[in-house]
Amino acid sequence: MTEAFTNVAGQRLDLPDPSVALSGATMGGASYKVLGSTMQVVVMQLRAGQTVYTETGALSWMQDGIQMDTNMRGGLGGILGRVFTGESLFVANFTAERDNAMIAFSSEFPGKIIPINLAQGQSIVTQRDSFLVAEKSVNMAVQFQKKFGAFFGGEGILMQRFDGPGTVFVALDGEVVEYTLAAGERLKVDTGHVAMFEPTVNFTVEMVKGFKNILFGGEGLLFATLTGPGRVWLQTMPMSKLAGAIAEYLPRAEGSKQGLSINLGG
């Protein structure tokens, strides 16, 4: 297909190809392309015998020649972790029965799909719900925050941790901004904007100080504090903030005094 759109009656319909944001190969040898700009999809070509896994319901499309197997990955610890995070108890394994078997996974929210190549012993910590798909060799676990205050931090309560070796794809909200923190350097962030960070970064949550700040500041009650050394990645449009903004314009019960009130009755 070409970039020009043609639609002549009685002739072939050609639509423009989506842009290729990223392309490469996973550590296990599967080639991939991340297509699109804001609503992205990763299309993978698996090798014969290669397995990737994802949460149930995450598959977008696939060719013949791929076997699907749904199970409870991670044993009791993995099951309990997914219960705490509100995720599906089951994961789906997809194993290619031939070379170049195509499979695709798309994000559910405008943002970026990021491939992360992890060496043996290397890890990355991400926001919950960011997981899209990973090679079988990658271990996924729930990382609980040690600070008591973190249990009031919304998206900062629980994080996902991925341990190599292998490649994992994560879907982050909006654009992604990277910072490298020196040892002892701190960055205070609204909890919803924390996308992922290296395990060397210390993550805590603290309450906003000051009575007037709490009542009139217009921000959340809590900030995440990220302390170096290490790299952190922030997302510009957390799903929770967008949902809150949209909620202000949704119809409410008649008589409500908050937000926009629409009477849909006859």
Protein backbone atom coordinates (compact mmCIF):
# COMPACT_ATOMS: atom_id res chain seq x y z
CA MET A 1 0.00 0.00 0.00
CA THR A 2 1.04 3.60 -0.54
CA GLU A 3 0.71 6.73 1.57
CA ALA A 4 -1.91 8.10 -0.84
CA PHE A 5 -5.48 7.00 -0.25
CA THR A 6 -7.25 5.70 -3.36
CA ASN A 7 -10.83 4.57 -3.56
CA VAL A 8 -12.09 4.28 -7.10
CA ALA A 9 -15.34 2.37 -7.50
CA GLY A 10 -14.72 -1.09 -8.91
CA GLN A 11 -10.98 -1.00 -8.19
CA ARG A 12 -8.72 -2.16 -5.37
CA LEU A 13 -9.06 -0.19 -2.11
CA ASP A 14 -5.66 0.92 -0.80
CA LEU A 15 -5.30 2.50 2.64
CA PRO A 16 -2.14 4.19 3.93
CA ASP A 17 0.21 2.00 5.95
CA PRO A 18 0.54 3.00 9.62
CA SER A 19 3.87 4.57 10.51
CA VAL A 20 6.60 2.32 11.94
CA ALA A 21 7.60 3.78 15.31
CA LEU A 22 10.14 1.07 16.20
CA SER A 23 11.51 -2.11 14.70
CA GLY A 24 14.04 -4.67 15.83
CA ALA A 25 14.43 -8.14 17.31
CA THR A 26 13.78 -9.51 20.79
CA MET A 27 16.54 -11.21 22.75
CA GLY A 28 14.93 -14.52 21.82
CA GLY A 29 15.21 -13.74 18.11
CA ALA A 30 11.67 -12.68 17.21
CA SER A 31 11.49 -9.72 14.85
CA TYR A 32 8.97 -7.01 15.70
CA LYS A 33 7.52 -3.70 14.56
CA VAL A 34 5.71 -1.14 16.71
CA LEU A 35 3.15 0.47 14.41
CA GLY A 36 1.23 3.70 14.85
CA SER A 37 1.80 7.00 16.61
CA THR A 38 -0.69 7.30 19.49
CA MET A 39 -2.70 4.05 19.47
CA GLN A 40 0.12 1.61 18.90
CA VAL A 41 0.39 -2.11 18.24
CA VAL A 42 3.41 -4.42 18.35
CA VAL A 43 3.48 -7.04 15.58
CA MET A 44 5.88 -9.93 16.21
CA GLN A 45 7.20 -12.71 13.98
CA LEU A 46 7.92 -15.67 16.25
CA ARG A 47 10.43 -18.42 15.58
CA ALA A 48 9.37 -22.06 15.66
CA GLY A 49 9.13 -23.20 19.29
CA GLN A 50 9.31 -19.67 20.69
CA THR A 51 6.83 -18.72 23.45
CA VAL A 52 5.58 -15.32 24.60
CA TYR A 53 3.05 -14.70 27.35
CA THR A 54 0.55 -12.00 28.23
CA GLU A 55 -2.50 -11.43 30.38
CA THR A 56 -5.67 -13.04 29.11
CA GLY A 57 -7.61 -10.81 26.75
CA ALA A 58 -4.54 -8.87 25.54
CA LEU A 59 -4.21 -10.60 22.15
CA SER A 60 -5.19 -8.49 19.14
CA TRP A 61 -4.68 -10.91 16.22
CA MET A 62 -2.50 -13.81 15.09
CA GLN A 63 -1.88 -16.16 12.18
CA ASP A 64 -2.38 -19.91 12.05
CA GLY A 65 0.55 -21.85 13.42
CA ILE A 66 0.47 -20.46 16.97
CA GLN A 67 -0.72 -22.56 19.90
CA MET A 68 -2.46 -20.81 22.81
CA ASP A 69 -2.34 -22.19 26.37
CA THR A 70 -3.98 -20.41 29.34
CA ASN A 71 -2.64 -21.12 32.83
CA MET A 72 -1.83 -19.63 36.26
CA ARG A 73 1.77 -18.55 35.77
CA GLY A 74 4.01 -17.89 38.75
CA GLY A 75 2.57 -20.30 41.30
CA LEU A 76 0.82 -19.18 44.47
CA GLY A 77 2.95 -16.03 44.85
CA GLY A 78 2.19 -14.88 41.32
CA ILE A 79 -1.53 -15.60 41.75
CA LEU A 80 -1.73 -13.62 45.01
CA GLY A 81 0.16 -10.74 43.44
CA ARG A 82 -2.30 -10.54 40.55
CA VAL A 83 -5.21 -10.64 43.00
CA PHE A 84 -3.78 -7.63 44.89
CA THR A 85 -3.27 -5.65 41.68
CA GLY A 86 -6.73 -6.45 40.32
CA GLU A 87 -5.29 -8.22 37.28
CA SER A 88 -6.41 -11.44 35.68
CA LEU A 89 -5.50 -14.59 37.56
CA PHE A 90 -4.55 -16.26 34.31
CA VAL A 91 -1.89 -15.64 31.69
CA ALA A 92 -1.91 -16.86 28.11
CA ASN A 93 1.12 -18.51 26.51
CA PHE A 94 1.48 -18.32 22.74
CA THR A 95 3.90 -20.81 21.16
CA ALA A 96 4.85 -20.73 17.48
CA GLU A 97 4.65 -24.06 15.63
CA ARG A 98 6.54 -22.67 12.63
CA ASP A 99 8.95 -19.87 11.77
CA ASN A 100 7.67 -16.33 11.09
CA ALA A 101 4.33 -16.93 12.80
CA MET A 102 2.77 -13.49 13.21
CA ILE A 103 1.07 -12.28 16.40
CA ALA A 104 0.03 -8.78 17.50
CA PHE A 105 -0.75 -7.02 20.77
CA SER A 106 -2.15 -3.48 20.95
CA SER A 107 -2.30 -0.91 23.74
CA GLU A 108 -5.65 0.03 25.30
CA PHE A 109 -4.81 3.72 25.78
CA PRO A 110 -3.07 6.48 23.79
CA GLY A 111 0.64 6.29 24.51
CA LYS A 112 3.82 4.41 23.68
CA ILE A 113 4.72 0.72 23.48
CA ILE A 114 8.28 0.31 24.76
CA PRO A 115 10.45 -2.82 24.24
CA ILE A 116 12.81 -3.48 27.16
CA ASN A 117 15.72 -5.89 26.70
CA LEU A 118 16.81 -7.34 30.04
CA ALA A 119 20.06 -9.22 30.58
CA GLN A 120 20.41 -12.04 33.08
CA GLY A 121 20.08 -10.44 36.53
CA GLN A 122 18.78 -7.14 35.14
CA SER A 123 15.37 -5.83 36.24
CA ILE A 124 12.93 -2.98 35.64
CA VAL A 125 10.05 -1.75 37.81
CA THR A 126 6.94 -0.39 36.06
CA GLN A 127 3.52 0.96 36.93
CA ARG A 128 0.84 -1.67 37.33
CA ASP A 129 -1.23 -2.40 34.21
CA SER A 130 1.69 -1.48 31.93
CA PHE A 131 2.50 -5.07 30.98
CA LEU A 132 1.72 -5.97 27.38
CA VAL A 133 3.69 -9.09 26.37
CA ALA A 134 6.99 -10.78 27.28
CA GLU A 135 9.19 -13.64 26.26
CA LYS A 136 8.84 -16.80 28.33
CA SER A 137 12.26 -16.31 29.93
CA VAL A 138 11.19 -13.02 31.58
CA ASN A 139 9.89 -13.31 35.14
CA MET A 140 7.02 -11.02 36.16
CA ALA A 141 6.32 -10.28 39.82
CA VAL A 142 4.51 -7.76 42.00
CA GLN A 143 6.68 -5.31 43.91
CA PHE A 144 5.10 -4.16 47.18
CA GLN A 145 6.10 -0.79 48.57
CA LYS A 146 7.70 -1.00 52.01
CA LYS A 147 6.61 2.41 53.26
CA PHE A 148 3.24 2.42 55.01
CA GLY A 149 2.34 5.70 53.30
CA ALA A 150 2.61 4.06 49.91
CA PHE A 151 -0.65 2.24 50.56
CA PHE A 152 -2.46 5.56 50.05
CA GLY A 153 -0.74 6.39 46.80
CA GLY A 154 -3.22 5.28 44.13
CA GLU A 155 -1.09 3.95 41.30
CA GLY A 156 1.91 4.07 43.62
CA ILE A 157 0.58 1.27 45.85
CA LEU A 158 1.89 -1.67 43.87
CA MET A 159 4.29 -1.89 40.97
CA GLN A 160 5.25 -4.62 38.52
CA ARG A 161 8.79 -5.95 38.39
CA PHE A 162 10.31 -7.77 35.41
CA ASP A 163 13.53 -9.78 35.70
CA GLY A 164 15.65 -10.92 32.76
CA PRO A 165 16.83 -12.44 30.64
CA GLY A 166 14.54 -11.61 27.75
CA THR A 167 12.42 -8.87 26.19
CA VAL A 168 9.25 -7.40 27.69
CA PHE A 169 6.95 -4.87 26.02
CA VAL A 170 5.18 -2.31 28.21
CA ALA A 171 2.47 0.20 27.26
CA LEU A 172 2.85 3.63 28.88
CA ASP A 173 0.34 6.50 28.91
CA GLY A 174 0.93 9.55 26.73
CA GLU A 175 4.49 10.62 25.97
CA VAL A 176 7.47 9.34 27.96
CA VAL A 177 10.10 11.59 29.59
CA GLU A 178 13.37 10.16 30.95
CA TYR A 179 15.50 11.50 33.82
CA THR A 180 18.80 10.21 35.17
CA LEU A 181 19.14 10.79 38.91
CA ALA A 182 22.49 11.04 40.63
CA ALA A 183 23.04 9.36 44.00
CA GLY A 184 20.84 11.13 46.54
CA GLU A 185 19.11 13.30 43.94
CA ARG A 186 15.33 13.41 44.44
CA LEU A 187 12.42 13.95 42.11
CA LYS A 188 8.88 14.50 43.43
CA VAL A 189 6.15 13.28 41.09
CA ASP A 190 2.39 12.89 41.13
CA THR A 191 2.01 9.13 41.62
CA GLY A 192 0.09 8.62 38.37
CA HIS A 193 2.98 10.01 36.30
CA VAL A 194 5.49 7.38 37.49
CA ALA A 195 5.83 5.01 34.52
CA MET A 196 8.92 2.95 35.37
CA PHE A 197 12.32 3.11 37.05
CA GLU A 198 15.46 1.11 37.63
CA PRO A 199 15.60 -0.98 40.84
CA THR A 200 18.45 1.18 42.16
CA VAL A 201 15.96 4.06 42.51
CA ASN A 202 14.26 4.33 45.91
CA PHE A 203 10.50 4.88 45.64
CA THR A 204 8.46 6.32 48.53
CA VAL A 205 5.16 8.17 48.85
CA GLU A 206 4.54 11.10 51.17
CA MET A 207 1.57 13.35 51.93
CA VAL A 208 1.49 16.95 50.74
CA LYS A 209 2.48 19.24 53.61
CA GLY A 210 0.43 22.23 54.66
CA PHE A 211 -3.29 22.55 55.42
CA LYS A 212 -3.88 25.11 52.64
CA ASN A 213 -2.00 22.99 50.11
CA ILE A 214 -4.22 20.02 50.93
CA LEU A 215 -7.48 22.01 50.67
CA PHE A 216 -6.73 24.45 47.87
CA GLY A 217 -3.65 23.15 46.06
CA GLY A 218 -5.62 21.43 43.32
CA GLU A 219 -3.20 18.49 43.37
CA GLY A 220 -3.43 15.02 44.83
CA LEU A 221 -2.77 14.50 48.52
CA LEU A 222 0.31 12.41 47.85
CA PHE A 223 3.56 12.71 45.94
CA ALA A 224 5.92 9.95 44.94
CA THR A 225 9.54 10.67 45.80
CA LEU A 226 12.12 9.02 43.55
CA THR A 227 15.67 9.05 44.92
CA GLY A 228 18.72 8.18 42.81
CA PRO A 229 20.93 6.76 41.64
CA GLY A 230 19.24 5.45 38.52
CA ARG A 231 16.97 6.30 35.64
CA VAL A 232 13.27 7.04 35.85
CA TRP A 233 10.67 7.34 33.10
CA LEU A 234 7.58 9.52 33.57
CA GLN A 235 4.36 9.42 31.53
CA THR A 236 2.58 12.62 30.53
CA MET A 237 -1.05 11.45 30.48
CA PRO A 238 -1.95 8.97 33.23
CA MET A 239 -5.13 7.07 32.53
CA SER A 240 -6.48 8.00 35.97
CA LYS A 241 -6.19 11.73 35.28
CA LEU A 242 -7.86 11.45 31.88
CA ALA A 243 -10.68 9.40 33.39
CA GLY A 244 -11.16 12.04 36.08
CA ALA A 245 -11.28 14.85 33.52
CA ILE A 246 -13.85 13.00 31.40
CA ALA A 247 -15.97 12.19 34.46
CA GLU A 248 -16.63 15.91 34.98
CA TYR A 249 -18.62 15.96 31.72
CA LEU A 250 -20.55 12.72 32.13
CA PRO A 251 -24.29 12.86 32.89
CA ARG A 252 -25.07 12.82 36.60
CA ALA A 253 -28.17 12.00 38.55
CA GLU A 254 -30.70 14.82 38.50
CA GLY A 255 -30.24 17.08 41.50
CA SER A 256 -26.48 16.57 41.75
CA LYS A 257 -24.62 19.85 42.22
CA GLN A 258 -21.23 18.65 41.05
CA GLY A 259 -20.04 19.05 37.48
CA LEU A 260 -22.27 19.16 34.44
CA SER A 261 -25.84 18.00 35.02
CA ILE A 262 -27.81 16.76 32.02
CA ASN A 263 -31.48 15.81 32.21
CA LEU A 264 -31.99 12.96 29.75
CA GLY A 265 -35.58 12.29 30.80
CA GLY A 266 -38.59 12.84 28.58
